[in-house]
N, C-alpha and C. Protein backbone atom coordinates (compact mmCIF):
# COMPACT_ATOMS: atom_id res chain seq x y z
N MET A 1 104.67 53.22 -22.09
CA MET A 1 105.38 53.11 -23.39
C MET A 1 104.44 53.70 -24.41
N ARG A 2 105.08 54.63 -25.27
CA ARG A 2 104.46 55.33 -26.28
C ARG A 2 104.53 54.64 -27.73
N VAL A 3 103.34 54.28 -28.06
CA VAL A 3 103.28 53.45 -29.46
C VAL A 3 102.83 54.38 -30.51
N LEU A 4 103.39 54.68 -31.58
CA LEU A 4 102.89 55.31 -32.74
C LEU A 4 101.98 54.42 -33.50
N VAL A 5 100.90 54.72 -33.93
CA VAL A 5 99.90 53.93 -34.52
C VAL A 5 99.48 54.31 -35.96
N ASP A 6 100.50 55.17 -36.49
CA ASP A 6 100.29 55.79 -37.93
C ASP A 6 101.20 54.95 -38.82
N ARG A 7 100.84 55.02 -39.96
CA ARG A 7 101.45 54.28 -41.16
C ARG A 7 102.65 55.20 -41.63
N ILE A 8 102.39 56.44 -41.57
CA ILE A 8 103.54 57.49 -42.04
C ILE A 8 103.92 58.25 -40.68
N TRP A 9 104.99 58.81 -40.64
CA TRP A 9 105.65 59.63 -39.56
C TRP A 9 104.68 61.06 -39.62
N PRO A 10 104.48 61.45 -38.38
CA PRO A 10 103.58 62.74 -38.18
C PRO A 10 104.49 63.78 -38.69
N ARG A 11 103.98 64.63 -39.70
CA ARG A 11 104.58 65.82 -40.19
C ARG A 11 104.77 66.83 -39.17
N GLY A 12 106.12 67.31 -39.14
CA GLY A 12 106.64 68.24 -38.35
C GLY A 12 107.09 67.70 -36.89
N LEU A 13 107.20 66.58 -36.70
CA LEU A 13 107.43 65.99 -35.29
C LEU A 13 108.59 65.23 -35.63
N THR A 14 109.81 65.72 -34.85
CA THR A 14 110.94 64.98 -34.76
C THR A 14 110.84 63.75 -33.92
N LYS A 15 111.75 62.65 -34.30
CA LYS A 15 111.72 61.45 -33.38
C LYS A 15 112.22 61.73 -32.08
N ARG A 16 113.18 62.63 -31.74
CA ARG A 16 113.55 63.11 -30.38
C ARG A 16 112.51 63.54 -29.78
N ARG A 17 111.82 64.49 -30.31
CA ARG A 17 110.58 65.24 -29.53
C ARG A 17 109.36 64.31 -29.29
N ALA A 18 109.36 63.36 -30.09
CA ALA A 18 108.19 62.47 -29.97
C ALA A 18 108.32 61.43 -28.85
N HIS A 19 109.40 61.13 -28.66
CA HIS A 19 109.71 60.00 -27.44
C HIS A 19 108.80 58.81 -27.72
N ILE A 20 108.88 58.21 -28.95
CA ILE A 20 108.24 57.12 -29.23
C ILE A 20 108.99 55.80 -29.19
N ASP A 21 108.54 54.83 -28.33
CA ASP A 21 109.29 53.69 -28.01
C ASP A 21 109.08 52.62 -29.01
N LEU A 22 107.84 52.65 -29.71
CA LEU A 22 107.65 51.60 -30.65
C LEU A 22 106.80 52.31 -31.96
N TRP A 23 107.33 51.98 -33.02
CA TRP A 23 106.37 52.41 -34.26
C TRP A 23 105.79 51.40 -34.90
N LEU A 24 104.36 51.04 -34.45
CA LEU A 24 103.66 49.84 -35.07
C LEU A 24 102.87 50.20 -36.27
N LYS A 25 103.43 50.19 -37.31
CA LYS A 25 102.80 50.64 -38.61
C LYS A 25 101.64 49.64 -39.08
N GLU A 26 101.87 48.34 -38.73
CA GLU A 26 101.21 47.29 -38.99
C GLU A 26 99.74 47.35 -38.43
N VAL A 27 99.56 48.09 -37.42
CA VAL A 27 98.17 48.37 -36.92
C VAL A 27 97.53 49.47 -37.32
N ALA A 28 98.26 50.29 -38.16
CA ALA A 28 97.69 51.53 -38.84
C ALA A 28 96.65 51.14 -39.91
N PRO A 29 95.75 52.14 -40.18
CA PRO A 29 94.79 51.76 -41.33
C PRO A 29 95.68 51.79 -42.53
N SER A 30 95.29 50.99 -43.67
CA SER A 30 95.91 51.07 -44.94
C SER A 30 95.77 52.44 -45.52
N ALA A 31 96.70 52.57 -46.46
CA ALA A 31 96.75 53.87 -46.97
C ALA A 31 95.58 54.15 -47.77
N ARG A 32 94.97 53.13 -48.53
CA ARG A 32 93.77 53.27 -49.10
C ARG A 32 92.49 53.75 -48.26
N LEU A 33 92.49 53.15 -47.09
CA LEU A 33 91.48 53.60 -46.12
C LEU A 33 91.79 54.93 -45.61
N ARG A 34 92.88 55.33 -45.16
CA ARG A 34 93.25 56.42 -44.74
C ARG A 34 92.88 57.53 -45.62
N GLN A 35 93.22 57.32 -46.93
CA GLN A 35 92.98 58.53 -47.95
C GLN A 35 91.56 58.62 -48.04
N TRP A 36 90.78 57.47 -48.16
CA TRP A 36 89.30 57.58 -48.38
C TRP A 36 88.70 58.04 -47.16
N PHE A 37 89.13 57.98 -45.89
CA PHE A 37 88.54 58.77 -44.79
C PHE A 37 88.75 60.26 -44.74
N GLY A 38 89.96 60.59 -44.96
CA GLY A 38 90.53 61.99 -44.94
C GLY A 38 90.14 62.61 -43.74
N HIS A 39 89.86 62.04 -42.69
CA HIS A 39 89.41 62.80 -41.39
C HIS A 39 88.25 63.39 -41.51
N ASP A 40 87.34 62.79 -42.32
CA ASP A 40 86.00 63.50 -42.52
C ASP A 40 84.90 62.84 -41.50
N PRO A 41 84.52 63.69 -40.37
CA PRO A 41 83.73 63.08 -39.34
C PRO A 41 82.35 62.55 -40.11
N VAL A 42 81.98 62.82 -41.30
CA VAL A 42 80.94 62.26 -41.84
C VAL A 42 80.98 60.90 -42.13
N ARG A 43 82.33 60.41 -42.38
CA ARG A 43 82.70 59.03 -42.79
C ARG A 43 83.08 58.38 -41.60
N TRP A 44 83.04 58.77 -40.48
CA TRP A 44 83.63 58.18 -39.14
C TRP A 44 83.00 56.72 -39.02
N THR A 45 81.87 56.61 -39.00
CA THR A 45 81.07 55.29 -38.62
C THR A 45 81.55 54.30 -39.60
N GLU A 46 81.58 54.63 -40.97
CA GLU A 46 82.07 53.64 -41.93
C GLU A 46 83.67 53.36 -41.71
N PHE A 47 84.34 54.47 -41.35
CA PHE A 47 85.77 54.26 -41.15
C PHE A 47 85.98 53.17 -40.15
N ARG A 48 85.31 53.54 -38.89
CA ARG A 48 85.29 52.55 -37.79
C ARG A 48 85.16 51.10 -38.36
N ARG A 49 83.88 50.80 -39.12
CA ARG A 49 83.70 49.46 -39.53
C ARG A 49 84.95 48.96 -40.38
N ARG A 50 85.26 49.71 -41.40
CA ARG A 50 86.25 49.21 -42.29
C ARG A 50 87.54 49.00 -41.48
N TYR A 51 87.88 49.96 -40.80
CA TYR A 51 89.31 49.65 -40.12
C TYR A 51 89.27 48.38 -39.16
N ARG A 52 88.14 48.28 -38.28
CA ARG A 52 88.07 47.00 -37.48
C ARG A 52 88.29 45.67 -38.55
N ALA A 53 87.70 45.83 -39.66
CA ALA A 53 87.61 44.57 -40.66
C ALA A 53 89.18 44.45 -40.98
N GLU A 54 89.93 45.55 -41.22
CA GLU A 54 91.41 45.55 -41.51
C GLU A 54 92.23 44.93 -40.40
N LEU A 55 91.93 45.30 -39.22
CA LEU A 55 92.47 44.74 -37.95
C LEU A 55 92.19 43.27 -37.92
N ALA A 56 90.96 42.96 -38.22
CA ALA A 56 90.62 41.53 -37.85
C ALA A 56 91.43 40.52 -38.98
N ARG A 57 91.85 41.21 -40.13
CA ARG A 57 92.70 40.57 -41.36
C ARG A 57 94.10 40.57 -40.86
N ASN A 58 94.54 41.29 -39.74
CA ASN A 58 95.83 41.24 -39.39
C ASN A 58 95.95 41.04 -37.72
N PRO A 59 95.58 39.78 -37.35
CA PRO A 59 95.46 39.51 -35.99
C PRO A 59 97.06 39.72 -35.35
N ALA A 60 97.96 39.54 -36.08
CA ALA A 60 99.29 39.32 -35.34
C ALA A 60 99.80 40.63 -35.05
N ALA A 61 99.43 41.75 -35.67
CA ALA A 61 99.82 42.97 -35.26
C ALA A 61 98.91 43.62 -34.14
N LEU A 62 97.83 43.15 -34.26
CA LEU A 62 96.80 43.69 -33.12
C LEU A 62 97.23 42.79 -31.71
N GLU A 63 97.60 41.50 -31.85
CA GLU A 63 98.14 40.81 -30.76
C GLU A 63 99.17 41.19 -30.34
N GLN A 64 100.23 41.91 -30.83
CA GLN A 64 101.39 42.42 -30.51
C GLN A 64 100.96 43.66 -29.61
N LEU A 65 100.10 44.46 -29.95
CA LEU A 65 99.70 45.53 -29.35
C LEU A 65 98.97 45.17 -27.91
N ARG A 66 98.02 44.20 -27.98
CA ARG A 66 97.40 43.56 -26.75
C ARG A 66 98.52 43.07 -25.90
N GLN A 67 99.37 42.42 -26.26
CA GLN A 67 100.33 41.85 -25.50
C GLN A 67 101.20 43.10 -24.67
N LEU A 68 101.42 43.97 -25.31
CA LEU A 68 102.01 45.27 -24.78
C LEU A 68 101.28 45.84 -23.60
N ALA A 69 99.94 45.77 -24.01
CA ALA A 69 98.87 46.50 -22.99
C ALA A 69 98.78 45.69 -21.75
N ARG A 70 99.00 44.12 -22.03
CA ARG A 70 98.65 43.43 -20.73
C ARG A 70 99.83 43.66 -19.81
N VAL A 71 100.96 43.98 -20.27
CA VAL A 71 102.05 44.07 -19.39
C VAL A 71 102.60 45.43 -18.88
N ARG A 72 102.01 46.42 -19.58
CA ARG A 72 102.41 47.91 -19.19
C ARG A 72 101.43 48.78 -19.74
N ARG A 73 101.47 49.99 -19.27
CA ARG A 73 100.52 51.08 -19.64
C ARG A 73 101.10 51.45 -21.05
N ILE A 74 100.37 51.76 -22.11
CA ILE A 74 100.71 52.17 -23.47
C ILE A 74 99.93 53.35 -23.57
N THR A 75 100.58 54.27 -24.49
CA THR A 75 99.80 55.46 -24.93
C THR A 75 99.94 55.37 -26.36
N LEU A 76 98.66 55.36 -27.18
CA LEU A 76 98.49 55.42 -28.51
C LEU A 76 98.98 56.73 -29.01
N VAL A 77 99.96 56.73 -30.05
CA VAL A 77 100.21 58.26 -30.39
C VAL A 77 99.84 58.12 -31.84
N PHE A 78 99.17 59.31 -32.19
CA PHE A 78 98.82 59.52 -33.69
C PHE A 78 99.02 60.87 -34.17
N GLY A 79 99.08 61.22 -35.30
CA GLY A 79 99.38 62.41 -35.96
C GLY A 79 98.18 63.28 -36.35
N ALA A 80 97.07 62.65 -36.30
CA ALA A 80 95.72 63.32 -36.58
C ALA A 80 95.63 64.54 -35.65
N ARG A 81 95.02 65.67 -36.08
CA ARG A 81 94.81 66.88 -35.43
C ARG A 81 93.29 66.79 -34.68
N ASP A 82 92.40 65.82 -35.30
CA ASP A 82 91.24 65.51 -34.73
C ASP A 82 91.15 64.40 -33.57
N GLN A 83 91.07 64.86 -32.44
CA GLN A 83 91.41 63.61 -31.44
C GLN A 83 90.23 62.77 -31.11
N ARG A 84 88.97 63.05 -31.66
CA ARG A 84 87.81 62.14 -31.69
C ARG A 84 87.63 61.36 -32.73
N HIS A 85 88.43 61.49 -33.94
CA HIS A 85 88.12 60.80 -35.21
C HIS A 85 89.45 60.42 -35.83
N ASN A 86 89.97 59.19 -35.30
CA ASN A 86 91.26 58.81 -35.64
C ASN A 86 91.53 57.40 -35.32
N GLN A 87 92.36 56.67 -35.98
CA GLN A 87 92.48 55.24 -35.65
C GLN A 87 92.88 55.10 -34.18
N ALA A 88 93.48 55.86 -33.41
CA ALA A 88 93.78 55.41 -32.04
C ALA A 88 92.52 55.33 -31.27
N VAL A 89 91.51 56.18 -31.46
CA VAL A 89 90.25 55.93 -30.98
C VAL A 89 89.55 54.49 -31.21
N VAL A 90 89.80 54.18 -32.36
CA VAL A 90 89.27 52.74 -32.71
C VAL A 90 90.03 51.67 -32.01
N LEU A 91 91.37 51.75 -32.19
CA LEU A 91 92.33 50.83 -31.38
C LEU A 91 91.96 50.72 -29.96
N LYS A 92 91.89 51.91 -29.24
CA LYS A 92 91.35 51.81 -27.82
C LYS A 92 90.26 51.05 -27.71
N GLU A 93 89.13 51.26 -28.36
CA GLU A 93 88.01 50.72 -28.31
C GLU A 93 88.14 48.97 -28.48
N VAL A 94 88.97 48.74 -29.44
CA VAL A 94 89.22 47.31 -29.74
C VAL A 94 89.91 46.68 -28.73
N LEU A 95 90.88 47.34 -28.09
CA LEU A 95 91.71 46.77 -26.98
C LEU A 95 90.99 46.72 -25.74
N ALA A 96 89.98 47.58 -25.55
CA ALA A 96 89.17 47.42 -24.34
C ALA A 96 87.95 46.50 -24.62
N GLY A 97 87.81 46.04 -25.77
CA GLY A 97 86.74 45.05 -26.08
C GLY A 97 85.44 45.59 -26.22
N ARG A 98 85.26 46.91 -26.40
CA ARG A 98 84.04 47.51 -26.48
C ARG A 98 83.23 47.40 -27.66
N HIS A 99 83.89 47.09 -28.95
CA HIS A 99 83.09 46.69 -29.99
C HIS A 99 82.55 45.45 -29.82
N ALA A 100 83.22 44.42 -29.23
CA ALA A 100 82.45 43.35 -28.91
C ALA A 100 81.17 43.19 -28.04
N ARG A 101 81.20 44.02 -27.08
CA ARG A 101 80.18 44.03 -26.16
C ARG A 101 79.10 44.76 -26.99
N ARG A 102 79.26 45.51 -27.65
CA ARG A 102 78.26 46.45 -28.37
C ARG A 102 77.49 45.39 -29.33
N ALA A 103 78.26 44.60 -29.95
CA ALA A 103 77.66 43.65 -30.85
C ALA A 103 76.94 42.65 -30.27
N ARG A 104 77.29 42.22 -29.01
CA ARG A 104 76.63 41.08 -28.38
C ARG A 104 75.19 41.68 -27.73
N ARG A 105 75.37 42.99 -27.30
CA ARG A 105 74.08 43.69 -27.04
C ARG A 105 72.91 43.82 -28.09
N ALA A 106 73.60 44.01 -29.28
CA ALA A 106 72.75 44.42 -30.48
C ALA A 106 72.25 43.16 -31.11
N ALA A 107 72.78 41.94 -30.71
CA ALA A 107 72.38 40.62 -31.25
C ALA A 107 70.88 40.30 -30.98
N PRO A 108 70.15 39.72 -32.03
CA PRO A 108 68.92 39.23 -31.83
C PRO A 108 68.71 38.58 -30.49
N GLY A 109 67.60 38.44 -29.80
CA GLY A 109 67.32 37.67 -28.71
C GLY A 109 68.02 38.22 -27.35
N ARG A 110 68.62 39.51 -27.23
CA ARG A 110 69.36 39.82 -26.22
C ARG A 110 68.45 41.17 -25.55
């Protein structure tokens, strides 16, 4: 299942060519965060922190994505050219629970 995780449709990509099964705008970064980030790798660490905070404030949308991932393989589709610095990378980490494990490892007394 191909899930578009951008708030806006990728420029130059037709719906027919994209083969998108679901457009889940609700899990995309806010317009304000997206504009601030501007796909600048220098801002990547802070973008990830802010985006995770946005996701935490919108648990219903994230849960919808989690439910889909539990029952079938999903492909997170995004329009950014940079394959290492985009919201799909963060969403994959969140879905895999990686950010939670890192936080527990970094906690005092561990």
